[in-house]
Amino acid sequence: MSPTQQSKASSLLSPQFINGVYIPSGLLLLGVGIIKFEWLPFAIAVSLVLGAWKIHSAAPELAPVPEKMMVTNALKPDVFQDFPLKEKTILSHNVAIYRFSLQTPTQILGLPIGQHMSVAATLDVNGESKEVVRSYTPISSDENLGYFDLLIKSYPQGNISKHMGTLKTGDTMKVRGPKGAMVYAPGLVKRFGMIAGGTGITPMLQIIRAIVRGRPRSGGNDTTEVDLIFANVNYDDILLKEDLDALAKEDAHFRVYYVLNNPPEKWDGGVGFCTPEMIKAKLPPPSPDMKLLLCGPPPMISAMKKATDSLGYEKPRPVSKLGDQVFCF
């Protein structure tokens, strides 16, 4: 007899069934047999029905407790590992979401909110074979079991991003992590101001989604206010706009303001580059309980550092630390 069968057998001999089913049924049958023997078949039927109902009601208590599902982290901070491409969702001619499988369907990536990871490939660079490494932030999270998603824009001059565009299902990429100074947790600040350009939206989206998931209405305690300025060249360059708009519609404490260099007709967002005036109008002012997060192309980040400095925010360090008021990914 297996341990599970033994457990069920012993449970059926527990006091709740002896006192609540077997003894009352036996007394009922004995009494009916003495008083009116011809009613005995009816009494047996009643005892069986009531006994079965009692045992069925206790079925959840009899069921064996399943072993706790073991959830492990896939990432290793000091070792590159190969992860196969599971599927590729094309968003435009040079942008796609790449879904990579983890080692098991119950694994999580193991990436704290706000951190990123290194992606590597051995490529031909100017006629020489070299290992090229770039940092990326997934748009998925540890809420997703068995896979992670990378949003990649392939540039003609980009080594890793161009290589990503050539991947086929089953091809692998080398990944290592986590890394980075930013680790988000509820209560880190009361307000976030965010400025993102292009694929710089990925670390912002990771944090925004974590904040929205942790709202009190969902059983959490995260009351952080978030304001995002998302700058792009053309309307079609706005990555994951549907996701951002859905989050803003769902959560009144998250607001997004789009800025375009070349806006379409009847555009109601910002026009041109992100300016100090836009930052002052749309993002929280400098204070001890707020933080500005910046991520985008290097020329944009350089301009934003100067703009925030002119508005009275703390001067960003060359390499950002978690405690900095202006944090650059």
C-alpha atoms as a PDB file:
ATOM      1  CA  MET A   1       0.000   0.000   0.000  1.00  0.00           C
ATOM      2  CA  SER A   2       1.405   3.400  -0.975  1.00  0.00           C
ATOM      3  CA  PRO A   3       1.880   6.198   1.605  1.00  0.00           C
ATOM      4  CA  THR A   4      -1.017   8.081   0.003  1.00  0.00           C
ATOM      5  CA  GLN A   5      -3.310   5.030   0.262  1.00  0.00           C
ATOM      6  CA  GLN A   6      -2.216   4.454   3.863  1.00  0.00           C
ATOM      7  CA  SER A   7      -2.957   8.105   4.637  1.00  0.00           C
ATOM      8  CA  LYS A   8      -6.465   7.839   3.173  1.00  0.00           C
ATOM      9  CA  ALA A   9      -7.154   4.552   4.983  1.00  0.00           C
ATOM     10  CA  SER A  10      -6.086   5.956   8.345  1.00  0.00           C
ATOM     11  CA  SER A  11      -8.149   9.091   7.707  1.00  0.00           C
ATOM     12  CA  LEU A  12     -11.279   6.969   7.141  1.00  0.00           C
ATOM     13  CA  LEU A  13     -10.724   5.433  10.600  1.00  0.00           C
ATOM     14  CA  SER A  14     -10.420   8.828  12.265  1.00  0.00           C
ATOM     15  CA  PRO A  15     -12.704   9.711  15.232  1.00  0.00           C
ATOM     16  CA  GLN A  16     -14.844  12.061  13.098  1.00  0.00           C
ATOM     17  CA  PHE A  17     -16.007   9.076  10.997  1.00  0.00           C
ATOM     18  CA  ILE A  18     -16.143   6.535  13.819  1.00  0.00           C
ATOM     19  CA  ASN A  19     -18.287   8.845  15.979  1.00  0.00           C
ATOM     20  CA  GLY A  20     -20.090  10.635  13.163  1.00  0.00           C
ATOM     21  CA  VAL A  21     -20.775   7.848  10.649  1.00  0.00           C
ATOM     22  CA  TYR A  22     -20.059   4.291  11.753  1.00  0.00           C
ATOM     23  CA  ILE A  23     -21.523   4.257  15.291  1.00  0.00           C
ATOM     24  CA  PRO A  24     -24.744   6.185  14.403  1.00  0.00           C
ATOM     25  CA  SER A  25     -25.273   3.948  11.338  1.00  0.00           C
ATOM     26  CA  GLY A  26     -24.737   0.793  13.393  1.00  0.00           C
ATOM     27  CA  LEU A  27     -27.180   1.939  16.097  1.00  0.00           C
ATOM     28  CA  LEU A  28     -29.760   2.854  13.436  1.00  0.00           C
ATOM     29  CA  LEU A  29     -29.560  -0.569  11.798  1.00  0.00           C
ATOM     30  CA  LEU A  30     -29.653  -2.364  15.159  1.00  0.00           C
ATOM     31  CA  GLY A  31     -32.708  -0.429  16.297  1.00  0.00           C
ATOM     32  CA  VAL A  32     -34.612  -0.925  13.058  1.00  0.00           C
ATOM     33  CA  GLY A  33     -33.730  -4.637  13.035  1.00  0.00           C
ATOM     34  CA  ILE A  34     -35.179  -5.055  16.524  1.00  0.00           C
ATOM     35  CA  ILE A  35     -38.309  -2.914  16.077  1.00  0.00           C
ATOM     36  CA  LYS A  36     -39.316  -3.587  12.443  1.00  0.00           C
ATOM     37  CA  PHE A  37     -37.061  -6.010  10.580  1.00  0.00           C
ATOM     38  CA  GLU A  38     -38.763  -5.465   7.184  1.00  0.00           C
ATOM     39  CA  TRP A  39     -37.599  -1.793   7.224  1.00  0.00           C
ATOM     40  CA  LEU A  40     -33.945  -2.876   7.473  1.00  0.00           C
ATOM     41  CA  PRO A  41     -33.157  -2.514   3.699  1.00  0.00           C
ATOM     42  CA  PHE A  42     -34.500   1.052   3.790  1.00  0.00           C
ATOM     43  CA  ALA A  43     -32.395   1.821   6.884  1.00  0.00           C
ATOM     44  CA  ILE A  44     -29.294   0.422   5.179  1.00  0.00           C
ATOM     45  CA  ALA A  45     -29.914   2.689   2.159  1.00  0.00           C
ATOM     46  CA  VAL A  46     -30.339   5.746   4.408  1.00  0.00           C
ATOM     47  CA  SER A  47     -27.141   4.913   6.308  1.00  0.00           C
ATOM     48  CA  LEU A  48     -25.166   4.529   3.077  1.00  0.00           C
ATOM     49  CA  VAL A  49     -26.422   7.829   1.648  1.00  0.00           C
ATOM     50  CA  LEU A  50     -25.758   9.813   4.833  1.00  0.00           C
ATOM     51  CA  GLY A  51     -22.386   8.152   5.359  1.00  0.00           C
ATOM     52  CA  ALA A  52     -21.309   8.827   1.779  1.00  0.00           C
ATOM     53  CA  TRP A  53     -22.366  12.482   2.094  1.00  0.00           C
ATOM     54  CA  LYS A  54     -20.380  12.861   5.314  1.00  0.00           C
ATOM     55  CA  ILE A  55     -17.243  11.340   3.777  1.00  0.00           C
ATOM     56  CA  HIS A  56     -17.632  13.393   0.572  1.00  0.00           C
ATOM     57  CA  SER A  57     -17.912  16.583   2.638  1.00  0.00           C
ATOM     58  CA  ALA A  58     -14.566  15.795   4.219  1.00  0.00           C
ATOM     59  CA  ALA A  59     -12.896  14.949   0.876  1.00  0.00           C
ATOM     60  CA  PRO A  60     -10.608  18.036   0.856  1.00  0.00           C
ATOM     61  CA  GLU A  61      -9.270  16.987   4.249  1.00  0.00           C
ATOM     62  CA  LEU A  62      -8.631  13.444   2.983  1.00  0.00           C
ATOM     63  CA  ALA A  63      -6.837  14.546  -0.166  1.00  0.00           C
ATOM     64  CA  PRO A  64      -3.082  14.176   0.001  1.00  0.00           C
ATOM     65  CA  VAL A  65      -1.214  17.484   0.249  1.00  0.00           C
ATOM     66  CA  PRO A  66       0.735  18.022  -3.004  1.00  0.00           C
ATOM     67  CA  GLU A  67       4.408  18.666  -2.732  1.00  0.00           C
ATOM     68  CA  LYS A  68       5.250  22.374  -2.917  1.00  0.00           C
ATOM     69  CA  MET A  69       6.250  23.372  -6.429  1.00  0.00           C
ATOM     70  CA  MET A  70       9.946  24.140  -6.464  1.00  0.00           C
ATOM     71  CA  VAL A  71      10.579  27.518  -8.106  1.00  0.00           C
ATOM     72  CA  THR A  72      14.220  28.208  -8.884  1.00  0.00           C
ATOM     73  CA  ASN A  73      16.102  31.151 -10.385  1.00  0.00           C
ATOM     74  CA  ALA A  74      17.529  30.657 -13.860  1.00  0.00           C
ATOM     75  CA  LEU A  75      20.099  33.467 -13.817  1.00  0.00           C
ATOM     76  CA  LYS A  76      23.612  33.122 -12.430  1.00  0.00           C
ATOM     77  CA  PRO A  77      25.536  36.354 -11.769  1.00  0.00           C
ATOM     78  CA  ASP A  78      28.963  34.987 -12.683  1.00  0.00           C
ATOM     79  CA  VAL A  79      28.203  32.468 -15.439  1.00  0.00           C
ATOM     80  CA  PHE A  80      26.842  32.927 -18.964  1.00  0.00           C
ATOM     81  CA  GLN A  81      24.152  30.363 -19.785  1.00  0.00           C
ATOM     82  CA  ASP A  82      22.494  29.495 -23.101  1.00  0.00           C
ATOM     83  CA  PHE A  83      18.757  30.116 -23.432  1.00  0.00           C
ATOM     84  CA  PRO A  84      16.892  29.047 -26.597  1.00  0.00           C
ATOM     85  CA  LEU A  85      14.606  31.351 -28.558  1.00  0.00           C
ATOM     86  CA  LYS A  86      11.030  30.115 -28.147  1.00  0.00           C
ATOM     87  CA  GLU A  87       9.195  32.624 -30.327  1.00  0.00           C
ATOM     88  CA  LYS A  88       9.592  36.005 -31.980  1.00  0.00           C
ATOM     89  CA  THR A  89       6.824  38.612 -32.211  1.00  0.00           C
ATOM     90  CA  ILE A  90       7.554  41.232 -34.875  1.00  0.00           C
ATOM     91  CA  LEU A  91       6.302  44.721 -33.980  1.00  0.00           C
ATOM     92  CA  SER A  92       7.814  46.646 -36.908  1.00  0.00           C
ATOM     93  CA  HIS A  93      10.498  46.317 -39.584  1.00  0.00           C
ATOM     94  CA  ASN A  94      13.267  46.582 -36.947  1.00  0.00           C
ATOM     95  CA  VAL A  95      11.580  45.916 -33.592  1.00  0.00           C
ATOM     96  CA  ALA A  96      10.540  42.560 -32.133  1.00  0.00           C
ATOM     97  CA  ILE A  97       9.843  40.839 -28.840  1.00  0.00           C
ATOM     98  CA  TYR A  98      12.064  37.794 -28.365  1.00  0.00           C
ATOM     99  CA  ARG A  99      10.798  35.127 -25.967  1.00  0.00           C
ATOM    100  CA  PHE A 100      13.477  32.816 -24.570  1.00  0.00           C
ATOM    101  CA  SER A 101      12.740  29.596 -22.683  1.00  0.00           C
ATOM    102  CA  LEU A 102      14.208  28.915 -19.258  1.00  0.00           C
ATOM    103  CA  GLN A 103      15.543  25.476 -18.283  1.00  0.00           C
ATOM    104  CA  THR A 104      12.192  24.307 -16.852  1.00  0.00           C
ATOM    105  CA  PRO A 105       8.567  25.500 -17.167  1.00  0.00           C
ATOM    106  CA  THR A 106       8.463  26.307 -13.429  1.00  0.00           C
ATOM    107  CA  GLN A 107      11.638  28.387 -13.316  1.00  0.00           C
ATOM    108  CA  ILE A 108      11.702  32.149 -12.939  1.00  0.00           C
ATOM    109  CA  LEU A 109      14.377  34.363 -14.422  1.00  0.00           C
ATOM    110  CA  GLY A 110      15.395  35.635 -10.978  1.00  0.00           C
ATOM    111  CA  LEU A 111      15.788  39.301 -11.883  1.00  0.00           C
ATOM    112  CA  PRO A 112      14.918  41.858  -9.161  1.00  0.00           C
ATOM    113  CA  ILE A 113      12.719  44.751 -10.322  1.00  0.00           C
ATOM    114  CA  GLY A 114      14.938  47.545 -11.640  1.00  0.00           C
ATOM    115  CA  GLN A 115      17.916  45.371 -12.536  1.00  0.00           C
ATOM    116  CA  HIS A 116      19.120  44.174 -15.919  1.00  0.00           C
ATOM    117  CA  MET A 117      21.263  41.412 -17.384  1.00  0.00           C
ATOM    118  CA  SER A 118      24.137  40.894 -19.805  1.00  0.00           C
ATOM    119  CA  VAL A 119      23.488  39.306 -23.192  1.00  0.00           C
ATOM    120  CA  ALA A 120      26.501  38.010 -25.135  1.00  0.00           C
ATOM    121  CA  ALA A 121      27.317  36.533 -28.521  1.00  0.00           C
ATOM    122  CA  THR A 122      30.515  35.718 -30.397  1.00  0.00           C
ATOM    123  CA  LEU A 123      30.418  37.845 -33.553  1.00  0.00           C
ATOM    124  CA  ASP A 124      32.575  38.905 -36.457  1.00  0.00           C
ATOM    125  CA  VAL A 125      33.693  42.463 -35.669  1.00  0.00           C
ATOM    126  CA  ASN A 126      35.822  44.083 -38.355  1.00  0.00           C
ATOM    127  CA  GLY A 127      37.030  40.698 -39.502  1.00  0.00           C
ATOM    128  CA  GLU A 128      37.829  39.416 -36.017  1.00  0.00           C
ATOM    129  CA  SER A 129      35.822  36.978 -33.883  1.00  0.00           C
ATOM    130  CA  LYS A 130      34.936  38.703 -30.607  1.00  0.00           C
ATOM    131  CA  GLU A 131      32.555  38.179 -27.726  1.00  0.00           C
ATOM    132  CA  VAL A 132      30.235  41.194 -27.648  1.00  0.00           C
ATOM    133  CA  VAL A 133      28.232  41.950 -24.494  1.00  0.00           C
ATOM    134  CA  ARG A 134      25.277  44.311 -24.097  1.00  0.00           C
ATOM    135  CA  SER A 135      22.884  45.012 -21.211  1.00  0.00           C
ATOM    136  CA  TYR A 136      19.130  44.543 -21.567  1.00  0.00           C
ATOM    137  CA  THR A 137      16.101  44.773 -19.282  1.00  0.00           C
ATOM    138  CA  PRO A 138      13.343  42.216 -19.936  1.00  0.00           C
ATOM    139  CA  ILE A 139       9.763  43.441 -20.318  1.00  0.00           C
ATOM    140  CA  SER A 140       8.631  40.261 -18.530  1.00  0.00           C
ATOM    141  CA  SER A 141       9.111  39.676 -14.811  1.00  0.00           C
ATOM    142  CA  ASP A 142       9.385  36.910 -12.230  1.00  0.00           C
ATOM    143  CA  GLU A 143       5.592  36.697 -12.364  1.00  0.00           C
ATOM    144  CA  ASN A 144       6.162  34.790 -15.631  1.00  0.00           C
ATOM    145  CA  LEU A 145       7.239  31.164 -15.247  1.00  0.00           C
ATOM    146  CA  GLY A 146       9.408  29.368 -17.769  1.00  0.00           C
ATOM    147  CA  TYR A 147      10.432  32.248 -20.039  1.00  0.00           C
ATOM    148  CA  PHE A 148      11.596  35.849 -20.371  1.00  0.00           C
ATOM    149  CA  ASP A 149      10.861  38.499 -23.021  1.00  0.00           C
ATOM    150  CA  LEU A 150      13.302  40.998 -24.520  1.00  0.00           C
ATOM    151  CA  LEU A 151      12.158  43.982 -26.573  1.00  0.00           C
ATOM    152  CA  ILE A 152      14.923  44.640 -29.119  1.00  0.00           C
ATOM    153  CA  LYS A 153      15.292  47.305 -31.780  1.00  0.00           C
ATOM    154  CA  SER A 154      17.784  46.147 -34.414  1.00  0.00           C
ATOM    155  CA  TYR A 155      20.185  48.849 -35.595  1.00  0.00           C
ATOM    156  CA  PRO A 156      22.302  48.422 -38.778  1.00  0.00           C
ATOM    157  CA  GLN A 157      25.423  49.389 -36.789  1.00  0.00           C
ATOM    158  CA  GLY A 158      24.405  47.442 -33.666  1.00  0.00           C
ATOM    159  CA  ASN A 159      26.268  44.216 -33.005  1.00  0.00           C
ATOM    160  CA  ILE A 160      23.987  42.350 -30.586  1.00  0.00           C
ATOM    161  CA  SER A 161      20.746  43.964 -31.763  1.00  0.00           C
ATOM    162  CA  LYS A 162      21.504  43.145 -35.427  1.00  0.00           C
ATOM    163  CA  HIS A 163      22.471  39.585 -34.446  1.00  0.00           C
ATOM    164  CA  MET A 164      19.162  39.222 -32.575  1.00  0.00           C
ATOM    165  CA  GLY A 165      17.316  39.985 -35.803  1.00  0.00           C
ATOM    166  CA  THR A 166      18.906  36.920 -37.442  1.00  0.00           C
ATOM    167  CA  LEU A 167      17.884  34.455 -34.707  1.00  0.00           C
ATOM    168  CA  LYS A 168      15.574  31.565 -35.545  1.00  0.00           C
ATOM    169  CA  THR A 169      13.481  29.481 -33.159  1.00  0.00           C
ATOM    170  CA  GLY A 170      15.788  27.170 -31.226  1.00  0.00           C
ATOM    171  CA  ASP A 171      18.860  29.394 -31.580  1.00  0.00           C
ATOM    172  CA  THR A 172      20.435  30.328 -28.256  1.00  0.00           C
ATOM    173  CA  MET A 173      21.779  33.479 -26.622  1.00  0.00           C
ATOM    174  CA  LYS A 174      24.191  33.660 -23.708  1.00  0.00           C
ATOM    175  CA  VAL A 175      22.800  35.491 -20.675  1.00  0.00           C
ATOM    176  CA  ARG A 176      24.253  36.396 -17.267  1.00  0.00           C
ATOM    177  CA  GLY A 177      22.884  38.402 -14.360  1.00  0.00           C
ATOM    178  CA  PRO A 178      21.364  40.070 -12.492  1.00  0.00           C
ATOM    179  CA  LYS A 179      23.322  43.331 -12.481  1.00  0.00           C
ATOM    180  CA  GLY A 180      22.717  47.004 -11.797  1.00  0.00           C
ATOM    181  CA  ALA A 181      22.397  49.361  -8.843  1.00  0.00           C
ATOM    182  CA  MET A 182      18.620  49.863  -9.006  1.00  0.00           C
ATOM    183  CA  VAL A 183      16.508  47.460  -6.962  1.00  0.00           C
ATOM    184  CA  TYR A 184      12.906  48.619  -6.624  1.00  0.00           C
ATOM    185  CA  ALA A 185      10.692  47.860  -3.630  1.00  0.00           C
ATOM    186  CA  PRO A 186       7.467  49.565  -2.478  1.00  0.00           C
ATOM    187  CA  GLY A 187       8.220  52.596  -0.339  1.00  0.00           C
ATOM    188  CA  LEU A 188      11.509  53.421  -2.044  1.00  0.00           C
ATOM    189  CA  VAL A 189      10.074  56.865  -2.888  1.00  0.00           C
ATOM    190  CA  LYS A 190       6.666  58.539  -2.890  1.00  0.00           C
ATOM    191  CA  ARG A 191       6.964  59.730  -6.507  1.00  0.00           C
ATOM    192  CA  PHE A 192       8.859  58.674  -9.597  1.00  0.00           C
ATOM    193  CA  GLY A 193       9.538  60.930 -12.542  1.00  0.00           C
ATOM    194  CA  MET A 194      10.698  58.994 -15.608  1.00  0.00           C
ATOM    195  CA  ILE A 195      12.192  60.132 -18.912  1.00  0.00           C
ATOM    196  CA  ALA A 196      12.633  57.450 -21.563  1.00  0.00           C
ATOM    197  CA  GLY A 197      13.649  57.477 -25.208  1.00  0.00           C
ATOM    198  CA  GLY A 198      13.135  54.588 -27.638  1.00  0.00           C
ATOM    199  CA  THR A 199      13.970  51.196 -26.137  1.00  0.00           C
ATOM    200  CA  GLY A 200      14.875  53.027 -22.915  1.00  0.00           C
ATOM    201  CA  ILE A 201      11.241  52.359 -22.012  1.00  0.00           C
ATOM    202  CA  THR A 202      12.051  48.778 -20.933  1.00  0.00           C
ATOM    203  CA  PRO A 203      13.376  49.398 -17.378  1.00  0.00           C
ATOM    204  CA  MET A 204      10.625  51.973 -16.844  1.00  0.00           C
ATOM    205  CA  LEU A 205       7.914  49.530 -17.905  1.00  0.00           C
ATOM    206  CA  GLN A 206       9.334  46.851 -15.616  1.00  0.00           C
ATOM    207  CA  ILE A 207       9.056  49.179 -12.612  1.00  0.00           C
ATOM    208  CA  ILE A 208       5.653  50.612 -13.627  1.00  0.00           C
ATOM    209  CA  ARG A 209       4.136  47.142 -13.956  1.00  0.00           C
ATOM    210  CA  ALA A 210       5.516  46.107 -10.560  1.00  0.00           C
ATOM    211  CA  ILE A 211       4.015  49.214  -8.941  1.00  0.00           C
ATOM    212  CA  VAL A 212       0.593  48.688 -10.548  1.00  0.00           C
ATOM    213  CA  ARG A 213       0.620  44.982  -9.547  1.00  0.00           C
ATOM    214  CA  GLY A 214       1.328  45.986  -5.953  1.00  0.00           C
ATOM    215  CA  ARG A 215      -1.531  48.451  -5.506  1.00  0.00           C
ATOM    216  CA  PRO A 216      -3.785  48.121  -2.415  1.00  0.00           C
ATOM    217  CA  ARG A 217      -6.706  47.134  -4.659  1.00  0.00           C
ATOM    218  CA  SER A 218      -4.675  44.031  -5.575  1.00  0.00           C
ATOM    219  CA  GLY A 219      -3.740  43.249  -1.990  1.00  0.00           C
ATOM    220  CA  GLY A 220      -0.432  45.124  -1.986  1.00  0.00           C
ATOM    221  CA  ASN A 221       0.748  48.300  -0.273  1.00  0.00           C
ATOM    222  CA  ASP A 222       2.350  50.266  -3.128  1.00  0.00           C
ATOM    223  CA  THR A 223       1.042  53.839  -3.374  1.00  0.00           C
ATOM    224  CA  THR A 224       3.908  55.263  -5.463  1.00  0.00           C
ATOM    225  CA  GLU A 225       2.943  58.000  -7.937  1.00  0.00           C
ATOM    226  CA  VAL A 226       4.532  57.671 -11.388  1.00  0.00           C
ATOM    227  CA  ASP A 227       4.870  60.274 -14.180  1.00  0.00           C
ATOM    228  CA  LEU A 228       6.547  59.270 -17.438  1.00  0.00           C
ATOM    229  CA  ILE A 229       7.773  61.362 -20.372  1.00  0.00           C
ATOM    230  CA  PHE A 230       8.348  59.047 -23.361  1.00  0.00           C
ATOM    231  CA  ALA A 231      10.212  60.676 -26.259  1.00  0.00           C
ATOM    232  CA  ASN A 232      10.473  59.321 -29.810  1.00  0.00           C
ATOM    233  CA  VAL A 233      11.036  60.541 -33.359  1.00  0.00           C
ATOM    234  CA  ASN A 234       7.848  59.345 -35.094  1.00  0.00           C
ATOM    235  CA  TYR A 235       4.485  58.064 -33.902  1.00  0.00           C
ATOM    236  CA  ASP A 236       5.290  54.553 -35.169  1.00  0.00           C
ATOM    237  CA  ASP A 237       8.427  54.568 -33.003  1.00  0.00           C
ATOM    238  CA  ILE A 238       6.405  54.602 -29.758  1.00  0.00           C
ATOM    239  CA  LEU A 239       7.082  51.128 -28.398  1.00  0.00           C
ATOM    240  CA  LEU A 240       4.440  49.308 -26.344  1.00  0.00           C
ATOM    241  CA  LYS A 241       2.080  52.301 -26.503  1.00  0.00           C
ATOM    242  CA  GLU A 242      -0.987  50.084 -26.094  1.00  0.00           C
ATOM    243  CA  ASP A 243       0.489  48.597 -22.912  1.00  0.00           C
ATOM    244  CA  LEU A 244       1.346  52.007 -21.482  1.00  0.00           C
ATOM    245  CA  ASP A 245      -2.070  53.453 -22.339  1.00  0.00           C
ATOM    246  CA  ALA A 246      -3.794  50.445 -20.763  1.00  0.00           C
ATOM    247  CA  LEU A 247      -1.769  50.877 -17.572  1.00  0.00           C
ATOM    248  CA  ALA A 248      -2.584  54.607 -17.451  1.00  0.00           C
ATOM    249  CA  LYS A 249      -6.279  53.844 -17.944  1.00  0.00           C
ATOM    250  CA  GLU A 250      -6.198  51.182 -15.228  1.00  0.00           C
ATOM    251  CA  ASP A 251      -4.238  53.217 -12.694  1.00  0.00           C
ATOM    252  CA  ALA A 252      -4.957  56.868 -11.934  1.00  0.00           C
ATOM    253  CA  HIS A 253      -1.590  57.202 -10.177  1.00  0.00           C
ATOM    254  CA  PHE A 254       0.362  56.503 -13.378  1.00  0.00           C
ATOM    255  CA  ARG A 255       0.498  59.189 -16.069  1.00  0.00           C
ATOM    256  CA  VAL A 256       2.308  59.156 -19.420  1.00  0.00           C
ATOM    257  CA  TYR A 257       3.156  62.103 -21.693  1.00  0.00           C
ATOM    258  CA  TYR A 258       4.385  61.380 -25.213  1.00  0.00           C
ATOM    259  CA  VAL A 259       6.843  63.646 -27.064  1.00  0.00           C
ATOM    260  CA  LEU A 260       7.549  63.342 -30.811  1.00  0.00           C
ATOM    261  CA  ASN A 261      10.018  65.044 -33.108  1.00  0.00           C
ATOM    262  CA  ASN A 262       7.732  64.512 -36.096  1.00  0.00           C
ATOM    263  CA  PRO A 263       4.167  64.400 -34.759  1.00  0.00           C
ATOM    264  CA  PRO A 264       1.127  63.514 -36.901  1.00  0.00           C
ATOM    265  CA  GLU A 265      -1.742  65.917 -37.453  1.00  0.00           C
ATOM    266  CA  LYS A 266      -3.955  66.649 -34.437  1.00  0.00           C
ATOM    267  CA  TRP A 267      -1.203  65.472 -32.075  1.00  0.00           C
ATOM    268  CA  ASP A 268      -1.944  66.490 -28.469  1.00  0.00           C
ATOM    269  CA  GLY A 269       1.399  65.490 -26.945  1.00  0.00           C
ATOM    270  CA  GLY A 270       4.754  67.227 -26.813  1.00  0.00           C
ATOM    271  CA  VAL A 271       6.597  68.318 -29.948  1.00  0.00           C
ATOM    272  CA  GLY A 272      10.349  68.366 -30.546  1.00  0.00           C
ATOM    273  CA  PHE A 273      12.866  67.344 -27.892  1.00  0.00           C
ATOM    274  CA  CYS A 274      12.132  66.856 -24.211  1.00  0.00           C
ATOM    275  CA  THR A 275      12.782  70.290 -22.682  1.00  0.00           C
ATOM    276  CA  PRO A 276      13.270  71.633 -19.154  1.00  0.00           C
ATOM    277  CA  GLU A 277       9.817  73.219 -19.481  1.00  0.00           C
ATOM    278  CA  MET A 278       8.242  69.802 -20.140  1.00  0.00           C
ATOM    279  CA  ILE A 279      10.090  68.272 -17.195  1.00  0.00           C
ATOM    280  CA  LYS A 280       8.922  71.078 -14.901  1.00  0.00           C
ATOM    281  CA  ALA A 281       5.311  70.754 -16.101  1.00  0.00           C
ATOM    282  CA  LYS A 282       4.990  66.960 -16.148  1.00  0.00           C
ATOM    283  CA  LEU A 283       7.361  65.522 -13.537  1.00  0.00           C
ATOM    284  CA  PRO A 284       7.595  65.936  -9.739  1.00  0.00           C
ATOM    285  CA  PRO A 285       9.791  68.784  -8.476  1.00  0.00           C
ATOM    286  CA  PRO A 286      13.010  68.044  -6.557  1.00  0.00           C
ATOM    287  CA  SER A 287      12.357  66.705  -3.047  1.00  0.00           C
ATOM    288  CA  PRO A 288      13.817  64.056  -0.690  1.00  0.00           C
ATOM    289  CA  ASP A 289      10.954  61.616  -1.349  1.00  0.00           C
ATOM    290  CA  MET A 290      11.137  61.529  -5.158  1.00  0.00           C
ATOM    291  CA  LYS A 291      13.472  60.095  -7.779  1.00  0.00           C
ATOM    292  CA  LEU A 292      14.042  60.771 -11.493  1.00  0.00           C
ATOM    293  CA  LEU A 293      14.840  57.758 -13.698  1.00  0.00           C
ATOM    294  CA  LEU A 294      16.505  58.315 -17.095  1.00  0.00           C
ATOM    295  CA  CYS A 295      17.038  55.796 -19.903  1.00  0.00           C
ATOM    296  CA  GLY A 296      17.581  56.343 -23.611  1.00  0.00           C
ATOM    297  CA  PRO A 297      20.196  57.072 -26.294  1.00  0.00           C
ATOM    298  CA  PRO A 298      23.425  58.627 -24.919  1.00  0.00           C
ATOM    299  CA  PRO A 299      22.912  62.068 -26.557  1.00  0.00           C
ATOM    300  CA  MET A 300      19.426  62.288 -25.024  1.00  0.00           C
ATOM    301  CA  ILE A 301      20.651  61.269 -21.562  1.00  0.00           C
ATOM    302  CA  SER A 302      23.447  63.853 -21.738  1.00  0.00           C
ATOM    303  CA  ALA A 303      20.880  66.558 -22.563  1.00  0.00           C
ATOM    304  CA  MET A 304      18.523  65.376 -19.796  1.00  0.00           C
ATOM    305  CA  LYS A 305      21.305  65.483 -17.192  1.00  0.00           C
ATOM    306  CA  LYS A 306      21.940  69.132 -18.058  1.00  0.00           C
ATOM    307  CA  ALA A 307      18.202  69.913 -18.053  1.00  0.00           C
ATOM    308  CA  THR A 308      17.546  68.325 -14.658  1.00  0.00           C
ATOM    309  CA  ASP A 309      20.615  70.032 -13.176  1.00  0.00           C
ATOM    310  CA  SER A 310      19.295  73.410 -14.374  1.00  0.00           C
ATOM    311  CA  LEU A 311      15.952  72.704 -12.650  1.00  0.00           C
ATOM    312  CA  GLY A 312      17.521  72.134  -9.233  1.00  0.00           C
ATOM    313  CA  TYR A 313      17.666  68.331  -9.143  1.00  0.00           C
ATOM    314  CA  GLU A 314      20.780  66.776  -7.661  1.00  0.00           C
ATOM    315  CA  LYS A 315      23.624  66.446 -10.154  1.00  0.00           C
ATOM    316  CA  PRO A 316      23.775  62.865 -11.499  1.00  0.00           C
ATOM    317  CA  ARG A 317      26.914  60.833 -10.863  1.00  0.00           C
ATOM    318  CA  PRO A 318      28.866  59.278 -13.752  1.00  0.00           C
ATOM    319  CA  VAL A 319      27.682  55.887 -12.425  1.00  0.00           C
ATOM    320  CA  SER A 320      24.338  56.026 -10.647  1.00  0.00           C
ATOM    321  CA  LYS A 321      23.731  54.583  -7.165  1.00  0.00           C
ATOM    322  CA  LEU A 322      20.409  53.519  -5.656  1.00  0.00           C
ATOM    323  CA  GLY A 323      20.300  56.532  -3.334  1.00  0.00           C
ATOM    324  CA  ASP A 324      20.750  59.084  -6.133  1.00  0.00           C
ATOM    325  CA  GLN A 325      17.907  61.509  -6.799  1.00  0.00           C
ATOM    326  CA  VAL A 326      18.584  61.309 -10.556  1.00  0.00           C
ATOM    327  CA  PHE A 327      19.273  57.721 -11.591  1.00  0.00           C
ATOM    328  CA  CYS A 328      20.517  56.825 -15.086  1.00  0.00           C
ATOM    329  CA  PHE A 329      20.179  53.250 -16.294  1.00  0.00           C
END
